[in-house]
Amino acid sequence: MFWRIITHTCGHRERISADGSYVVVEQRIRRAERSMCDSCTGHVSRWDNKLLGFCDLWGTQRQCDQAEPIRRRALSRVDALARHARIGERDAFAVLRRQILHRDDAAWWIEHKDDAVEILAQNIEL
């Protein structure tokens, strides 16, 4: 195997496989050089979660990685709906937002990836 050492935008170095066609390998290398390493990406993601108010997910690393975009998508849906809600419904949307931020079971998020907002909204009769 042929390997190349690249430097990410964060300054960390990584060894990348350079096997394959020239075009594919060059695209892979350029993409890697324009991005942060996995460690820094995870750190930034965890920092963003703290700023948004998310609690830490509970589950395996694979489950947490899979559940993270699901709960971010659910929060953005609730925020979009709350912007267009009537004044009387705003408190209910605040409760729904809090439930999304504090739901910490990664397996639950994966199981309810398409209907998480609806399930949580049923609990508060929204």
Protein backbone atom coordinates (compact mmCIF):
# COMPACT_ATOMS: atom_id res chain seq x y z
CA MET A 1 0.00 0.00 0.00
CA PHE A 2 1.04 3.53 -0.69
CA TRP A 3 0.39 6.19 1.97
CA ARG A 4 0.59 9.98 2.03
CA ILE A 5 0.93 12.16 5.10
CA ILE A 6 -1.38 15.18 4.93
CA THR A 7 -1.90 18.14 7.25
CA HIS A 8 -5.46 19.11 8.17
CA THR A 9 -6.59 22.72 8.59
CA CYS A 10 -6.36 22.26 12.37
CA GLY A 11 -2.64 21.47 12.03
CA HIS A 12 -2.85 17.78 12.89
CA ARG A 13 -1.29 15.28 10.51
CA GLU A 14 -2.80 12.04 9.25
CA ARG A 15 -1.73 9.15 7.07
CA ILE A 16 -4.08 8.60 4.12
CA SER A 17 -4.11 5.69 1.70
CA ALA A 18 -3.00 6.81 -1.74
CA ASP A 19 -3.99 3.61 -3.51
CA GLY A 20 -6.38 3.97 -6.42
CA SER A 21 -6.75 6.15 -9.45
CA TYR A 22 -4.96 9.48 -9.47
CA VAL A 23 -8.16 11.55 -9.69
CA VAL A 24 -9.87 9.77 -6.79
CA VAL A 25 -6.79 9.89 -4.57
CA GLU A 26 -6.18 13.59 -5.27
CA GLN A 27 -9.81 14.42 -4.46
CA ARG A 28 -9.59 12.46 -1.21
CA ILE A 29 -6.35 14.21 -0.23
CA ARG A 30 -7.61 17.70 -1.09
CA ARG A 31 -10.83 17.11 0.85
CA ALA A 32 -8.85 15.91 3.87
CA GLU A 33 -6.47 18.88 3.69
CA ARG A 34 -9.43 21.30 3.65
CA SER A 35 -11.05 19.74 6.73
CA MET A 36 -10.25 19.32 10.39
CA CYS A 37 -9.13 15.95 11.73
CA ASP A 38 -11.72 13.63 13.31
CA SER A 39 -10.57 14.48 16.82
CA CYS A 40 -10.94 18.23 16.34
CA THR A 41 -14.27 17.80 14.53
CA GLY A 42 -15.60 15.81 17.48
CA HIS A 43 -14.30 18.42 19.92
CA VAL A 44 -15.99 21.25 17.99
CA SER A 45 -19.21 19.23 17.79
CA ARG A 46 -19.19 18.61 21.56
CA TRP A 47 -18.49 22.31 22.16
CA ASP A 48 -21.41 23.28 19.89
CA ASN A 49 -23.65 20.89 21.79
CA LYS A 50 -22.73 22.55 25.09
CA LEU A 51 -23.43 25.99 23.62
CA LEU A 52 -26.82 24.86 22.32
CA GLY A 53 -27.65 23.29 25.68
CA PHE A 54 -27.66 19.61 24.69
CA CYS A 55 -26.89 17.07 27.39
CA ASP A 56 -24.35 14.33 26.70
CA LEU A 57 -25.72 11.32 24.85
CA TRP A 58 -25.73 7.91 26.52
CA GLY A 59 -24.87 4.86 24.41
CA THR A 60 -22.06 3.40 22.36
CA GLN A 61 -19.86 5.72 20.33
CA ARG A 62 -21.49 4.47 17.12
CA GLN A 63 -24.98 5.12 18.50
CA CYS A 64 -23.99 8.60 19.68
CA ASP A 65 -22.50 9.45 16.29
CA GLN A 66 -25.68 8.26 14.59
CA ALA A 67 -28.05 10.03 17.02
CA GLU A 68 -26.28 13.39 16.98
CA PRO A 69 -27.59 14.66 13.62
CA ILE A 70 -31.05 13.29 14.39
CA ARG A 71 -31.45 15.37 17.53
CA ARG A 72 -29.92 18.45 15.89
CA ARG A 73 -32.45 18.10 13.06
CA ALA A 74 -35.27 17.71 15.60
CA LEU A 75 -34.18 20.85 17.43
CA SER A 76 -34.04 22.87 14.21
CA ARG A 77 -37.55 21.64 13.30
CA VAL A 78 -38.91 22.72 16.66
CA ASP A 79 -37.19 26.11 16.41
CA ALA A 80 -38.67 26.64 12.93
CA LEU A 81 -42.15 25.66 14.12
CA ALA A 82 -41.84 27.87 17.21
CA ARG A 83 -41.05 30.92 15.06
CA HIS A 84 -44.41 30.51 13.30
CA ALA A 85 -46.44 29.48 16.35
CA ARG A 86 -49.19 31.52 17.92
CA ILE A 87 -48.34 33.37 21.10
CA GLY A 88 -50.33 30.92 23.24
CA GLU A 89 -48.31 27.98 21.92
CA ARG A 90 -44.86 29.43 22.56
CA ASP A 91 -44.66 28.05 26.11
CA ALA A 92 -45.46 24.55 24.84
CA PHE A 93 -42.72 24.85 22.21
CA ALA A 94 -40.29 25.95 24.94
CA VAL A 95 -41.15 22.78 26.89
CA LEU A 96 -40.71 20.69 23.72
CA ARG A 97 -37.33 22.31 23.07
CA ARG A 98 -36.25 21.52 26.64
CA GLN A 99 -37.29 17.89 26.20
CA ILE A 100 -35.16 17.61 23.05
CA LEU A 101 -32.16 19.15 24.79
CA HIS A 102 -32.42 16.81 27.79
CA ARG A 103 -33.23 13.51 26.02
CA ASP A 104 -29.95 11.64 26.47
CA ASP A 105 -30.63 8.12 25.15
CA ALA A 106 -28.94 7.67 21.77
CA ALA A 107 -30.91 4.48 21.08
CA TRP A 108 -34.18 6.40 21.52
CA TRP A 109 -33.09 9.01 18.98
CA ILE A 110 -32.15 6.30 16.48
CA GLU A 111 -35.43 4.46 17.02
CA HIS A 112 -37.46 7.65 16.54
CA LYS A 113 -35.36 9.30 13.84
CA ASP A 114 -38.40 10.20 11.73
CA ASP A 115 -40.98 10.94 14.42
CA ALA A 116 -39.02 12.25 17.43
CA VAL A 117 -40.69 15.67 17.44
CA GLU A 118 -44.16 14.15 17.10
CA ILE A 119 -43.57 11.65 19.94
CA LEU A 120 -42.27 14.33 22.28
CA ALA A 121 -45.08 16.72 21.29
CA GLN A 122 -47.67 14.07 22.22
CA ASN A 123 -46.24 13.99 25.73
CA ILE A 124 -47.02 17.69 26.20
CA GLU A 125 -50.22 17.65 24.10
CA LEU A 126 -48.96 20.18 21.58
